[in-house]
Amino acid sequence: MAETAEPVEVNRAACLEGLPHGFLGRRGGVSRGDVAGLNVGLGSGDDPELIAENRARAAEAVLPGARLVTVYQVHSPDCVSVVADPWTDSERPHADALVTARPSLLLGILTADCAPVLFADREAGVVGAAHAGWKGAIGGVTDSTVEAMEKLGASASRIVAAVGPCIAQASYEVDEAFRDRFCGQDQAHALFFRSGRAGHYQFDLEGYVAARLAAAGVASVERLGLDTYAQPDRFFSFRRATHRGEPSYGRQISLIGLD
């Protein structure tokens, strides 16, 4: 496998300081073409050997020697607990969040504009990771993650959470039907929409996810404020790839574990 001189970029959250974690982008990988860099998406159409190398590099950058565990993401509100030996990549359960109290595991969530959220209750020794796209976010994937962590001994009042790189409000144009879906659930959700061109709005996914976390009672929420769409040298973006007419798009990974 060819080496790359560029190191893996690991973005970290202050609220998770001291815990093995990181919000990774595309820097430091071996994939080429439209998915060049640290593409970890098993469904991206990339060379499986390159994906495997990228996943290994990602894990090594955050918790060397740990076993990486991911799920088959389907934009759901579902969360699974890793309490026994983890599944293989081919056996990944359909879910969009996972939690554990087991050491030497790295929980991984893949994104390409959706919001990755990492959770921890240090006192209980429980961590979690969630994939919060708009469907999962409005469906309650972050609530499900908090509930699953509490079943493992965590307490919402001790949980800290960080929202990583995702598409920013300035880059996320939606139509009226999209806005109506959110405001139909709660009129207060109008706060997360800013008027744009005629019949369109700019949606604040990061702010909405942070608000859902606060409403769930977590102790603190940190927002990294990194826009995946606007930084093509650092992050993969589904919407940017679509706008450019690219045939595929890469996925970045966000990781958290316990020593």
Protein backbone atom coordinates (compact mmCIF):
# COMPACT_ATOMS: atom_id res chain seq x y z
CA MET A 1 0.00 0.00 0.00
CA ALA A 2 1.41 3.37 -1.00
CA GLU A 3 2.20 5.72 1.84
CA THR A 4 1.00 9.30 2.06
CA ALA A 5 3.07 12.09 3.52
CA GLU A 6 -0.04 13.91 4.71
CA PRO A 7 -1.03 13.05 8.28
CA VAL A 8 -4.57 12.15 9.25
CA GLU A 9 -6.37 15.30 10.38
CA VAL A 10 -8.13 14.78 13.71
CA ASN A 11 -10.49 17.52 14.90
CA ARG A 12 -11.17 17.27 18.62
CA ALA A 13 -13.75 18.72 20.99
CA ALA A 14 -12.79 20.49 24.21
CA CYS A 15 -15.67 18.87 26.10
CA LEU A 16 -14.25 15.42 25.28
CA GLU A 17 -10.68 16.25 26.23
CA GLY A 18 -8.83 13.26 27.62
CA LEU A 19 -11.06 10.72 25.88
CA PRO A 20 -9.95 8.94 22.70
CA HIS A 21 -12.03 10.67 20.06
CA GLY A 22 -11.85 12.60 16.84
CA PHE A 23 -13.85 14.07 13.99
CA LEU A 24 -11.84 13.13 10.92
CA GLY A 25 -12.00 14.58 7.43
CA ARG A 26 -10.48 13.53 4.12
CA ARG A 27 -6.84 14.37 4.84
CA GLY A 28 -4.35 11.58 5.36
CA GLY A 29 -5.89 8.82 3.26
CA VAL A 30 -4.95 6.81 0.19
CA SER A 31 -8.10 6.93 -1.98
CA ARG A 32 -7.96 8.64 -5.36
CA GLY A 33 -10.17 10.50 -7.79
CA ASP A 34 -13.46 12.04 -6.66
CA VAL A 35 -13.11 10.30 -3.27
CA ALA A 36 -9.43 11.17 -2.84
CA GLY A 37 -8.19 11.06 0.72
CA LEU A 38 -9.42 9.26 3.82
CA ASN A 39 -12.60 7.79 2.34
CA VAL A 40 -14.01 5.17 4.74
CA GLY A 41 -17.37 4.56 3.02
CA LEU A 42 -17.95 0.87 2.35
CA GLY A 43 -20.75 1.81 -0.05
CA SER A 44 -18.87 4.52 -1.93
CA GLY A 45 -17.76 2.35 -4.83
CA ASP A 46 -14.11 2.90 -3.90
CA ASP A 47 -11.47 0.15 -3.98
CA PRO A 48 -12.14 -2.05 -0.90
CA GLU A 49 -8.42 -2.32 -0.17
CA LEU A 50 -8.07 1.46 -0.08
CA ILE A 51 -11.13 1.78 2.16
CA ALA A 52 -9.71 -0.83 4.54
CA GLU A 53 -6.40 1.03 4.67
CA ASN A 54 -8.18 4.33 5.34
CA ARG A 55 -10.27 2.80 8.14
CA ALA A 56 -7.13 1.37 9.71
CA ARG A 57 -5.40 4.75 9.52
CA ALA A 58 -8.41 6.47 11.06
CA ALA A 59 -8.52 4.08 14.02
CA GLU A 60 -4.76 4.28 14.53
CA ALA A 61 -4.95 8.09 14.66
CA VAL A 62 -7.47 8.01 17.54
CA LEU A 63 -6.94 4.84 19.59
CA PRO A 64 -4.13 2.59 18.35
CA GLY A 65 -4.90 -1.09 18.63
CA ALA A 66 -8.64 -0.60 19.16
CA ARG A 67 -11.26 -2.44 17.15
CA LEU A 68 -13.40 -0.22 14.93
CA VAL A 69 -17.15 -0.82 15.12
CA THR A 70 -19.66 0.81 12.76
CA VAL A 71 -23.30 0.31 11.76
CA TYR A 72 -25.18 0.15 8.46
CA GLN A 73 -26.57 3.68 8.46
CA VAL A 74 -30.12 4.18 7.17
CA HIS A 75 -31.12 7.68 8.41
CA SER A 76 -33.13 6.20 11.27
CA PRO A 77 -33.57 7.16 14.95
CA ASP A 78 -32.28 3.73 16.03
CA CYS A 79 -29.36 3.14 18.39
CA VAL A 80 -27.65 -0.15 19.21
CA SER A 81 -25.53 -1.09 22.23
CA VAL A 82 -22.22 -2.90 21.89
CA VAL A 83 -22.21 -5.05 25.03
CA ALA A 84 -20.73 -8.31 23.70
CA ASP A 85 -18.17 -9.09 21.02
CA PRO A 86 -18.83 -6.64 18.19
CA TRP A 87 -20.13 -7.68 14.81
CA THR A 88 -18.10 -7.86 11.62
CA ASP A 89 -18.44 -5.25 8.88
CA SER A 90 -20.58 -7.64 6.82
CA GLU A 91 -22.94 -8.15 9.78
CA ARG A 92 -23.46 -4.49 10.68
CA PRO A 93 -26.94 -3.87 12.10
CA HIS A 94 -29.15 -1.23 10.49
CA ALA A 95 -28.97 1.74 12.87
CA ASP A 96 -27.63 5.28 13.09
CA ALA A 97 -26.09 5.38 16.54
CA LEU A 98 -24.19 3.09 18.85
CA VAL A 99 -23.08 3.12 22.49
CA THR A 100 -20.74 1.07 24.64
CA ALA A 101 -19.09 0.76 28.02
CA ARG A 102 -16.44 -1.64 26.72
CA PRO A 103 -12.82 -0.50 26.49
CA SER A 104 -10.60 -1.00 23.44
CA LEU A 105 -13.45 -0.39 20.99
CA LEU A 106 -13.83 2.59 18.70
CA LEU A 107 -17.37 3.56 17.78
CA GLY A 108 -17.48 5.05 14.30
CA ILE A 109 -20.09 7.13 12.48
CA LEU A 110 -19.77 8.02 8.79
CA THR A 111 -20.94 11.33 7.35
CA ALA A 112 -20.76 13.48 4.23
CA ASP A 113 -22.80 16.56 5.31
CA CYS A 114 -24.94 14.98 8.05
CA ALA A 115 -23.96 15.84 11.62
CA PRO A 116 -21.78 13.42 13.57
CA VAL A 117 -22.33 13.58 17.33
CA LEU A 118 -20.00 12.09 19.93
CA PHE A 119 -21.16 11.54 23.53
CA ALA A 120 -19.51 10.64 26.84
CA ASP A 121 -20.32 10.16 30.50
CA ARG A 122 -16.85 9.96 32.01
CA GLU A 123 -18.06 8.94 35.47
CA ALA A 124 -20.07 6.00 34.16
CA GLY A 125 -17.51 5.04 31.54
CA VAL A 126 -20.04 5.11 28.70
CA VAL A 127 -19.59 6.62 25.24
CA GLY A 128 -21.76 6.97 22.16
CA ALA A 129 -21.77 8.14 18.57
CA ALA A 130 -24.69 9.19 16.38
CA HIS A 131 -25.31 10.01 12.71
CA ALA A 132 -27.75 12.91 12.68
CA GLY A 133 -28.90 13.76 9.21
CA TRP A 134 -32.12 15.72 9.01
CA LYS A 135 -34.24 12.55 8.99
CA GLY A 136 -32.51 11.02 11.98
CA ALA A 137 -32.37 14.33 13.80
CA ILE A 138 -36.08 15.05 13.55
CA GLY A 139 -36.79 11.39 14.30
CA GLY A 140 -34.86 11.57 17.57
CA VAL A 141 -31.60 9.71 16.97
CA THR A 142 -29.81 11.82 19.58
CA ASP A 143 -32.57 11.13 22.12
CA SER A 144 -32.23 7.41 21.40
CA THR A 145 -28.49 7.62 22.00
CA VAL A 146 -28.90 9.30 25.38
CA GLU A 147 -31.52 6.70 26.38
CA ALA A 148 -29.24 3.83 25.34
CA MET A 149 -26.34 5.32 27.29
CA GLU A 150 -28.53 5.61 30.38
CA LYS A 151 -29.36 1.90 30.12
CA LEU A 152 -25.62 1.26 30.42
CA GLY A 153 -25.36 3.38 33.58
CA ALA A 154 -24.90 6.88 32.22
CA SER A 155 -26.92 9.89 33.32
CA ALA A 156 -28.07 12.63 30.95
CA SER A 157 -27.01 15.19 33.54
CA ARG A 158 -23.39 13.99 33.19
CA ILE A 159 -23.29 13.41 29.44
CA VAL A 160 -21.31 15.82 27.30
CA ALA A 161 -21.81 15.88 23.54
CA ALA A 162 -20.04 17.43 20.59
CA VAL A 163 -21.48 18.10 17.14
CA GLY A 164 -18.80 17.71 14.50
CA PRO A 165 -18.27 18.82 10.90
CA CYS A 166 -21.53 19.02 8.94
CA ILE A 167 -23.15 21.17 6.30
CA ALA A 168 -23.57 24.71 7.63
CA GLN A 169 -26.67 26.87 7.40
CA ALA A 170 -25.09 29.07 4.72
CA SER A 171 -24.61 25.99 2.53
CA TYR A 172 -27.86 24.14 3.23
CA GLU A 173 -30.70 25.40 1.05
CA VAL A 174 -34.08 23.69 1.46
CA ASP A 175 -37.59 24.25 0.12
CA GLU A 176 -40.82 25.17 1.87
CA ALA A 177 -41.98 21.56 2.15
CA PHE A 178 -38.82 20.75 4.09
CA ARG A 179 -39.39 23.67 6.46
CA ASP A 180 -43.05 22.72 6.89
CA ARG A 181 -42.04 19.21 7.95
CA PHE A 182 -40.06 20.63 10.87
CA CYS A 183 -42.44 23.39 11.82
CA GLY A 184 -45.34 20.96 11.66
CA GLN A 185 -43.69 19.06 14.49
CA ASP A 186 -43.02 22.22 16.50
CA GLN A 187 -43.47 25.85 15.44
CA ALA A 188 -40.38 26.73 17.49
CA HIS A 189 -38.32 24.94 14.85
CA ALA A 190 -38.76 28.00 12.64
CA LEU A 191 -35.78 29.41 14.54
CA PHE A 192 -33.50 27.07 12.57
CA PHE A 193 -34.56 28.41 9.17
CA ARG A 194 -33.36 31.64 7.59
CA SER A 195 -35.08 33.07 4.53
CA GLY A 196 -33.20 32.62 1.27
CA ARG A 197 -34.19 32.99 -2.37
CA ALA A 198 -37.87 32.87 -3.22
CA GLY A 199 -39.55 29.79 -1.81
CA HIS A 200 -36.38 28.57 -0.12
CA TYR A 201 -34.68 28.66 3.26
CA GLN A 202 -31.28 28.01 4.79
CA PHE A 203 -31.47 25.26 7.41
CA ASP A 204 -29.25 25.21 10.50
CA LEU A 205 -28.71 21.47 10.97
CA GLU A 206 -25.95 21.95 13.54
CA GLY A 207 -28.09 24.30 15.62
CA TYR A 208 -31.10 22.01 15.44
CA VAL A 209 -29.08 18.98 16.58
CA ALA A 210 -27.54 21.00 19.42
CA ALA A 211 -31.00 22.11 20.53
CA ARG A 212 -32.27 18.53 20.53
CA LEU A 213 -29.33 17.53 22.71
CA ALA A 214 -30.01 20.36 25.15
CA ALA A 215 -33.69 19.40 25.30
CA ALA A 216 -32.64 15.83 26.14
CA GLY A 217 -30.95 17.19 29.26
CA VAL A 218 -27.30 16.58 28.48
CA ALA A 219 -24.84 18.48 30.64
CA SER A 220 -23.15 20.40 27.83
CA VAL A 221 -23.12 20.61 24.06
CA GLU A 222 -20.19 21.76 21.95
CA ARG A 223 -20.44 22.75 18.30
CA LEU A 224 -17.29 22.62 16.21
CA GLY A 225 -18.72 24.93 13.53
CA LEU A 226 -16.98 23.24 10.58
CA ASP A 227 -18.79 23.35 7.22
CA THR A 228 -18.28 20.20 5.15
CA TYR A 229 -19.69 21.75 1.97
CA ALA A 230 -17.46 24.82 1.97
CA GLN A 231 -14.12 23.08 2.61
CA PRO A 232 -13.47 20.59 -0.20
CA ASP A 233 -9.82 20.18 0.77
CA ARG A 234 -10.78 19.00 4.27
CA PHE A 235 -14.16 17.25 4.06
CA PHE A 236 -16.33 15.11 1.84
CA SER A 237 -19.77 16.50 1.00
CA PHE A 238 -22.69 14.73 -0.66
CA ARG A 239 -24.34 18.00 -1.66
CA ARG A 240 -21.15 19.45 -3.11
CA ALA A 241 -20.51 16.27 -5.11
CA THR A 242 -24.09 16.42 -6.39
CA HIS A 243 -23.78 20.06 -7.41
CA ARG A 244 -20.52 19.29 -9.22
CA GLY A 245 -22.02 16.31 -11.02
CA GLU A 246 -19.47 13.90 -9.56
CA PRO A 247 -20.39 10.20 -9.89
CA SER A 248 -19.61 9.35 -6.27
CA TYR A 249 -18.72 10.93 -2.95
CA GLY A 250 -16.53 9.96 -0.04
CA ARG A 251 -17.46 9.54 3.61
CA GLN A 252 -15.49 10.76 6.61
CA ILE A 253 -15.59 9.15 10.02
CA SER A 254 -16.02 10.38 13.59
CA LEU A 255 -14.73 8.15 16.38
CA ILE A 256 -14.92 7.75 20.13
CA GLY A 257 -13.79 5.00 22.49
CA LEU A 258 -12.55 4.08 25.93
CA ASP A 259 -8.95 3.23 26.81
